[in-house]
């Protein structure tokens, strides 16, 4: 994947995450600046999702740790086995929100 392809894909993923967060039914504030998306929870904690163009990865920083997702077989998957990006965000957001937060990729129910 070239850098321009990555940047376009990253933009799509961050937009999809914003939309999914809006639909999840949990009070999570999102704000975005370029390739950095911040998700803020009622307790003030945050999850930061950002694109790292040099290594072609989407990085996630949460209270419970840091994750690096790479595009493989049609999905963004954590390089250390934590799973697919949207499932990971659902798990992390649920922990930080204290209630189930189902963050679903576009086209998935």
N, C-alpha and C. Protein backbone atom coordinates (compact mmCIF):
# COMPACT_ATOMS: atom_id res chain seq x y z
N UNK A 1 0.85 -1.17 0.00
CA UNK A 1 0.00 0.00 0.00
C UNK A 1 0.90 1.23 0.00
N UNK A 2 0.66 2.11 -0.93
CA UNK A 2 1.44 3.35 -1.00
C UNK A 2 0.98 4.31 0.10
N UNK A 3 1.77 5.34 0.35
CA UNK A 3 1.37 6.31 1.37
C UNK A 3 0.06 7.00 1.02
N UNK A 4 -0.15 7.47 -0.23
CA UNK A 4 -1.44 8.07 -0.55
C UNK A 4 -2.62 7.10 -0.39
N UNK A 5 -2.41 5.84 -0.73
CA UNK A 5 -3.46 4.83 -0.53
C UNK A 5 -3.75 4.64 0.95
N UNK A 6 -2.69 4.60 1.76
CA UNK A 6 -2.88 4.46 3.19
C UNK A 6 -3.64 5.65 3.76
N UNK A 7 -3.24 6.85 3.38
CA UNK A 7 -3.90 8.05 3.90
C UNK A 7 -5.38 8.08 3.55
N UNK A 8 -5.72 7.67 2.34
CA UNK A 8 -7.13 7.60 1.93
C UNK A 8 -7.87 6.55 2.74
N UNK A 9 -7.25 5.38 2.92
CA UNK A 9 -7.87 4.31 3.70
C UNK A 9 -8.03 4.73 5.16
N UNK A 10 -7.03 5.38 5.70
CA UNK A 10 -7.07 5.84 7.08
C UNK A 10 -8.21 6.85 7.26
N UNK A 11 -8.35 7.76 6.34
CA UNK A 11 -9.43 8.74 6.40
C UNK A 11 -10.79 8.04 6.41
N UNK A 12 -10.95 7.04 5.57
CA UNK A 12 -12.21 6.28 5.53
C UNK A 12 -12.47 5.56 6.85
N UNK A 13 -11.44 4.94 7.40
CA UNK A 13 -11.60 4.20 8.65
C UNK A 13 -11.94 5.15 9.79
N UNK A 14 -11.25 6.27 9.90
CA UNK A 14 -11.54 7.21 10.98
C UNK A 14 -12.95 7.76 10.87
N UNK A 15 -13.40 8.04 9.65
CA UNK A 15 -14.79 8.50 9.44
C UNK A 15 -15.78 7.41 9.83
N UNK A 16 -15.47 6.17 9.48
CA UNK A 16 -16.34 5.05 9.84
C UNK A 16 -16.41 4.86 11.35
N UNK A 17 -15.28 5.05 12.03
CA UNK A 17 -15.26 4.94 13.49
C UNK A 17 -16.13 6.05 14.10
N UNK A 18 -15.98 7.27 13.60
CA UNK A 18 -16.81 8.38 14.10
C UNK A 18 -18.30 8.06 13.95
N UNK A 19 -18.69 7.57 12.78
CA UNK A 19 -20.09 7.22 12.53
C UNK A 19 -20.54 6.10 13.45
N UNK A 20 -19.71 5.08 13.63
CA UNK A 20 -20.05 3.95 14.49
C UNK A 20 -20.21 4.38 15.94
N UNK A 21 -19.35 5.28 16.39
CA UNK A 21 -19.43 5.79 17.76
C UNK A 21 -20.74 6.56 17.94
N UNK A 22 -21.10 7.35 16.94
CA UNK A 22 -22.37 8.10 17.01
C UNK A 22 -23.57 7.17 17.11
N UNK A 23 -23.50 6.00 16.46
CA UNK A 23 -24.60 5.05 16.44
C UNK A 23 -24.62 4.09 17.62
N UNK A 24 -23.57 4.02 18.41
CA UNK A 24 -23.45 2.96 19.42
C UNK A 24 -24.36 3.15 20.62
N UNK A 25 -24.93 4.33 20.82
CA UNK A 25 -25.85 4.54 21.92
C UNK A 25 -25.21 4.82 23.27
N UNK A 26 -23.91 5.02 23.28
CA UNK A 26 -23.18 5.33 24.50
C UNK A 26 -22.65 6.75 24.38
N UNK A 27 -22.64 7.48 25.50
CA UNK A 27 -22.19 8.87 25.48
C UNK A 27 -20.67 8.92 25.36
N UNK A 28 -20.19 9.00 24.13
CA UNK A 28 -18.76 9.12 23.83
C UNK A 28 -18.62 10.32 22.90
N UNK A 29 -17.82 11.28 23.32
CA UNK A 29 -17.57 12.46 22.49
C UNK A 29 -16.39 12.16 21.56
N UNK A 30 -16.56 12.50 20.29
CA UNK A 30 -15.44 12.30 19.36
C UNK A 30 -15.02 13.64 18.78
N UNK A 31 -13.73 13.77 18.57
CA UNK A 31 -13.19 14.95 17.89
C UNK A 31 -12.02 14.49 17.03
N UNK A 32 -11.90 15.15 15.90
CA UNK A 32 -10.88 14.71 14.95
C UNK A 32 -10.09 15.89 14.43
N UNK A 33 -8.80 15.64 14.28
CA UNK A 33 -7.90 16.60 13.66
C UNK A 33 -6.99 15.82 12.73
N UNK A 34 -7.22 15.94 11.43
CA UNK A 34 -6.42 15.19 10.45
C UNK A 34 -6.57 13.70 10.66
N UNK A 35 -5.46 13.02 10.86
CA UNK A 35 -5.47 11.57 11.04
C UNK A 35 -5.47 11.16 12.51
N UNK A 36 -5.96 12.04 13.37
CA UNK A 36 -6.04 11.73 14.80
C UNK A 36 -7.49 11.88 15.25
N UNK A 37 -8.03 10.81 15.83
CA UNK A 37 -9.40 10.81 16.34
C UNK A 37 -9.34 10.56 17.85
N UNK A 38 -9.96 11.45 18.62
CA UNK A 38 -10.03 11.29 20.07
C UNK A 38 -11.45 10.91 20.45
N UNK A 39 -11.57 9.87 21.26
CA UNK A 39 -12.84 9.47 21.84
C UNK A 39 -12.76 9.75 23.33
N UNK A 40 -13.65 10.59 23.83
CA UNK A 40 -13.60 10.97 25.24
C UNK A 40 -14.84 10.45 25.96
N UNK A 41 -14.62 9.91 27.15
CA UNK A 41 -15.65 9.28 27.94
C UNK A 41 -16.05 10.18 29.11
N UNK A 42 -17.19 9.87 29.74
CA UNK A 42 -17.72 10.70 30.83
C UNK A 42 -16.73 10.92 31.96
N UNK A 43 -15.86 9.94 32.20
CA UNK A 43 -14.89 10.07 33.30
C UNK A 43 -13.65 10.86 32.90
N UNK A 44 -13.64 11.38 31.65
CA UNK A 44 -12.50 12.16 31.17
C UNK A 44 -11.42 11.33 30.50
N UNK A 45 -11.52 10.01 30.56
CA UNK A 45 -10.52 9.18 29.89
C UNK A 45 -10.73 9.24 28.38
N UNK A 46 -9.69 8.88 27.65
CA UNK A 46 -9.74 8.97 26.19
C UNK A 46 -9.19 7.71 25.55
N UNK A 47 -9.64 7.49 24.34
CA UNK A 47 -9.01 6.54 23.43
C UNK A 47 -8.59 7.38 22.24
N UNK A 48 -7.34 7.23 21.84
CA UNK A 48 -6.81 7.97 20.69
C UNK A 48 -6.56 6.97 19.56
N UNK A 49 -7.10 7.29 18.38
CA UNK A 49 -6.90 6.46 17.20
C UNK A 49 -6.22 7.34 16.17
N UNK A 50 -5.07 6.88 15.67
CA UNK A 50 -4.38 7.71 14.67
C UNK A 50 -3.67 6.86 13.63
N UNK A 51 -3.58 7.45 12.45
CA UNK A 51 -2.87 6.80 11.36
C UNK A 51 -1.39 7.11 11.43
N UNK A 52 -0.59 6.08 11.25
CA UNK A 52 0.86 6.24 11.22
C UNK A 52 1.33 5.87 9.82
N UNK A 53 1.44 6.89 8.96
CA UNK A 53 1.74 6.67 7.55
C UNK A 53 3.07 5.96 7.29
N UNK A 54 4.16 6.31 7.98
CA UNK A 54 5.43 5.66 7.66
C UNK A 54 5.40 4.13 7.78
N UNK A 55 4.62 3.60 8.73
CA UNK A 55 4.56 2.15 8.91
C UNK A 55 3.24 1.56 8.41
N UNK A 56 2.36 2.42 7.86
CA UNK A 56 1.06 2.00 7.30
C UNK A 56 0.21 1.26 8.33
N UNK A 57 0.13 1.82 9.53
CA UNK A 57 -0.65 1.22 10.60
C UNK A 57 -1.58 2.25 11.21
N UNK A 58 -2.66 1.75 11.80
CA UNK A 58 -3.55 2.58 12.60
C UNK A 58 -3.27 2.21 14.05
N UNK A 59 -2.91 3.21 14.82
CA UNK A 59 -2.55 2.98 16.21
C UNK A 59 -3.69 3.39 17.13
N UNK A 60 -3.87 2.64 18.20
CA UNK A 60 -4.90 2.90 19.19
C UNK A 60 -4.22 2.98 20.55
N UNK A 61 -4.47 4.07 21.27
CA UNK A 61 -3.97 4.21 22.64
C UNK A 61 -5.17 4.32 23.55
N UNK A 62 -5.24 3.43 24.54
CA UNK A 62 -6.35 3.40 25.48
C UNK A 62 -5.80 3.23 26.89
N UNK A 63 -6.68 3.35 27.86
CA UNK A 63 -6.28 3.18 29.25
C UNK A 63 -5.58 1.83 29.46
N UNK A 64 -6.05 0.81 28.76
CA UNK A 64 -5.51 -0.55 28.97
C UNK A 64 -4.28 -0.87 28.13
N UNK A 65 -3.86 0.03 27.26
CA UNK A 65 -2.65 -0.23 26.49
C UNK A 65 -2.67 0.37 25.10
N UNK A 66 -1.65 0.01 24.34
CA UNK A 66 -1.49 0.51 22.97
C UNK A 66 -1.57 -0.64 21.99
N UNK A 67 -2.15 -0.38 20.83
CA UNK A 67 -2.37 -1.40 19.82
C UNK A 67 -2.01 -0.84 18.45
N UNK A 68 -1.45 -1.68 17.61
CA UNK A 68 -1.06 -1.30 16.25
C UNK A 68 -1.81 -2.20 15.28
N UNK A 69 -2.62 -1.62 14.41
CA UNK A 69 -3.41 -2.40 13.46
C UNK A 69 -2.88 -2.20 12.04
N UNK A 70 -2.76 -3.31 11.35
CA UNK A 70 -2.26 -3.33 9.98
C UNK A 70 -3.36 -3.93 9.09
N UNK A 71 -3.44 -3.46 7.85
CA UNK A 71 -4.46 -3.96 6.93
C UNK A 71 -4.03 -5.32 6.39
N UNK A 72 -4.84 -6.35 6.72
CA UNK A 72 -4.55 -7.72 6.30
C UNK A 72 -5.86 -8.42 5.95
N UNK A 73 -5.90 -9.07 4.81
CA UNK A 73 -7.06 -9.87 4.40
C UNK A 73 -8.36 -9.09 4.50
N UNK A 74 -8.31 -7.82 4.11
CA UNK A 74 -9.53 -7.01 4.05
C UNK A 74 -9.97 -6.37 5.35
N UNK A 75 -9.14 -6.43 6.40
CA UNK A 75 -9.51 -5.82 7.68
C UNK A 75 -8.27 -5.25 8.37
N UNK A 76 -8.52 -4.29 9.25
CA UNK A 76 -7.44 -3.74 10.08
C UNK A 76 -7.34 -4.60 11.33
N UNK A 77 -6.19 -5.26 11.51
CA UNK A 77 -6.02 -6.26 12.56
C UNK A 77 -4.80 -5.90 13.40
N UNK A 78 -4.95 -6.05 14.72
CA UNK A 78 -3.85 -5.77 15.64
C UNK A 78 -2.67 -6.70 15.37
N UNK A 79 -1.49 -6.15 15.36
CA UNK A 79 -0.29 -6.92 15.04
C UNK A 79 0.12 -7.89 16.14
N UNK A 80 -0.44 -7.72 17.34
CA UNK A 80 -0.09 -8.59 18.46
C UNK A 80 -1.26 -9.46 18.91
N UNK A 81 -2.22 -9.68 18.01
CA UNK A 81 -3.28 -10.63 18.28
C UNK A 81 -4.49 -10.15 19.05
N UNK A 82 -4.68 -8.83 19.19
CA UNK A 82 -5.84 -8.33 19.94
C UNK A 82 -7.11 -8.27 19.08
N UNK A 83 -7.02 -8.69 17.82
CA UNK A 83 -8.21 -8.77 16.98
C UNK A 83 -8.39 -7.62 16.01
N UNK A 84 -9.57 -7.61 15.41
CA UNK A 84 -9.94 -6.63 14.39
C UNK A 84 -10.22 -5.28 15.05
N UNK A 85 -9.92 -4.20 14.33
CA UNK A 85 -9.97 -2.84 14.87
C UNK A 85 -11.32 -2.49 15.50
N UNK A 86 -12.43 -2.72 14.81
CA UNK A 86 -13.73 -2.33 15.35
C UNK A 86 -14.11 -3.16 16.57
N UNK A 87 -13.80 -4.44 16.55
CA UNK A 87 -14.06 -5.28 17.73
C UNK A 87 -13.20 -4.81 18.90
N UNK A 88 -11.97 -4.47 18.62
CA UNK A 88 -11.06 -3.95 19.65
C UNK A 88 -11.61 -2.66 20.24
N UNK A 89 -12.06 -1.75 19.37
CA UNK A 89 -12.61 -0.48 19.87
C UNK A 89 -13.87 -0.70 20.69
N UNK A 90 -14.69 -1.69 20.31
CA UNK A 90 -15.88 -2.01 21.09
C UNK A 90 -15.49 -2.45 22.50
N UNK A 91 -14.52 -3.33 22.58
CA UNK A 91 -14.05 -3.84 23.87
C UNK A 91 -13.45 -2.72 24.73
N UNK A 92 -12.56 -1.94 24.14
CA UNK A 92 -11.91 -0.87 24.88
C UNK A 92 -12.91 0.20 25.32
N UNK A 93 -13.82 0.56 24.43
CA UNK A 93 -14.83 1.58 24.76
C UNK A 93 -15.77 1.09 25.84
N UNK A 94 -16.15 -0.17 25.79
CA UNK A 94 -17.02 -0.74 26.82
C UNK A 94 -16.34 -0.67 28.19
N UNK A 95 -15.07 -0.99 28.23
CA UNK A 95 -14.32 -0.92 29.49
C UNK A 95 -14.28 0.50 30.03
N UNK A 96 -13.97 1.45 29.15
CA UNK A 96 -13.81 2.83 29.60
C UNK A 96 -15.15 3.49 29.89
N UNK A 97 -16.20 3.11 29.18
CA UNK A 97 -17.52 3.70 29.42
C UNK A 97 -18.23 3.04 30.60
N UNK A 98 -17.84 1.81 30.92
CA UNK A 98 -18.49 1.09 32.00
C UNK A 98 -19.83 0.47 31.60
N UNK A 99 -20.16 0.54 30.32
CA UNK A 99 -21.37 -0.07 29.76
C UNK A 99 -21.02 -0.62 28.39
N UNK A 100 -21.80 -1.59 27.89
CA UNK A 100 -21.49 -2.13 26.56
C UNK A 100 -21.56 -1.06 25.46
N UNK A 101 -20.52 -0.99 24.67
CA UNK A 101 -20.45 -0.05 23.54
C UNK A 101 -20.13 -0.87 22.31
N UNK A 102 -21.10 -1.07 21.46
CA UNK A 102 -20.91 -1.87 20.26
C UNK A 102 -20.56 -0.94 19.10
N UNK A 103 -19.31 -0.94 18.71
CA UNK A 103 -18.83 -0.10 17.62
C UNK A 103 -18.63 -1.02 16.41
N UNK A 104 -19.49 -0.84 15.42
CA UNK A 104 -19.59 -1.77 14.31
C UNK A 104 -19.10 -1.13 13.02
N UNK A 105 -18.30 -1.88 12.28
CA UNK A 105 -17.80 -1.42 10.98
C UNK A 105 -18.97 -1.26 10.01
N UNK A 106 -18.84 -0.37 9.05
CA UNK A 106 -19.91 -0.20 8.06
C UNK A 106 -20.23 -1.53 7.37
N UNK A 107 -21.52 -1.77 7.14
CA UNK A 107 -21.93 -2.97 6.45
C UNK A 107 -22.05 -4.19 7.33
N UNK A 108 -21.80 -4.03 8.61
CA UNK A 108 -21.92 -5.16 9.55
C UNK A 108 -23.04 -4.86 10.53
N UNK A 109 -23.76 -5.87 10.91
CA UNK A 109 -24.89 -5.67 11.84
C UNK A 109 -24.50 -5.93 13.26
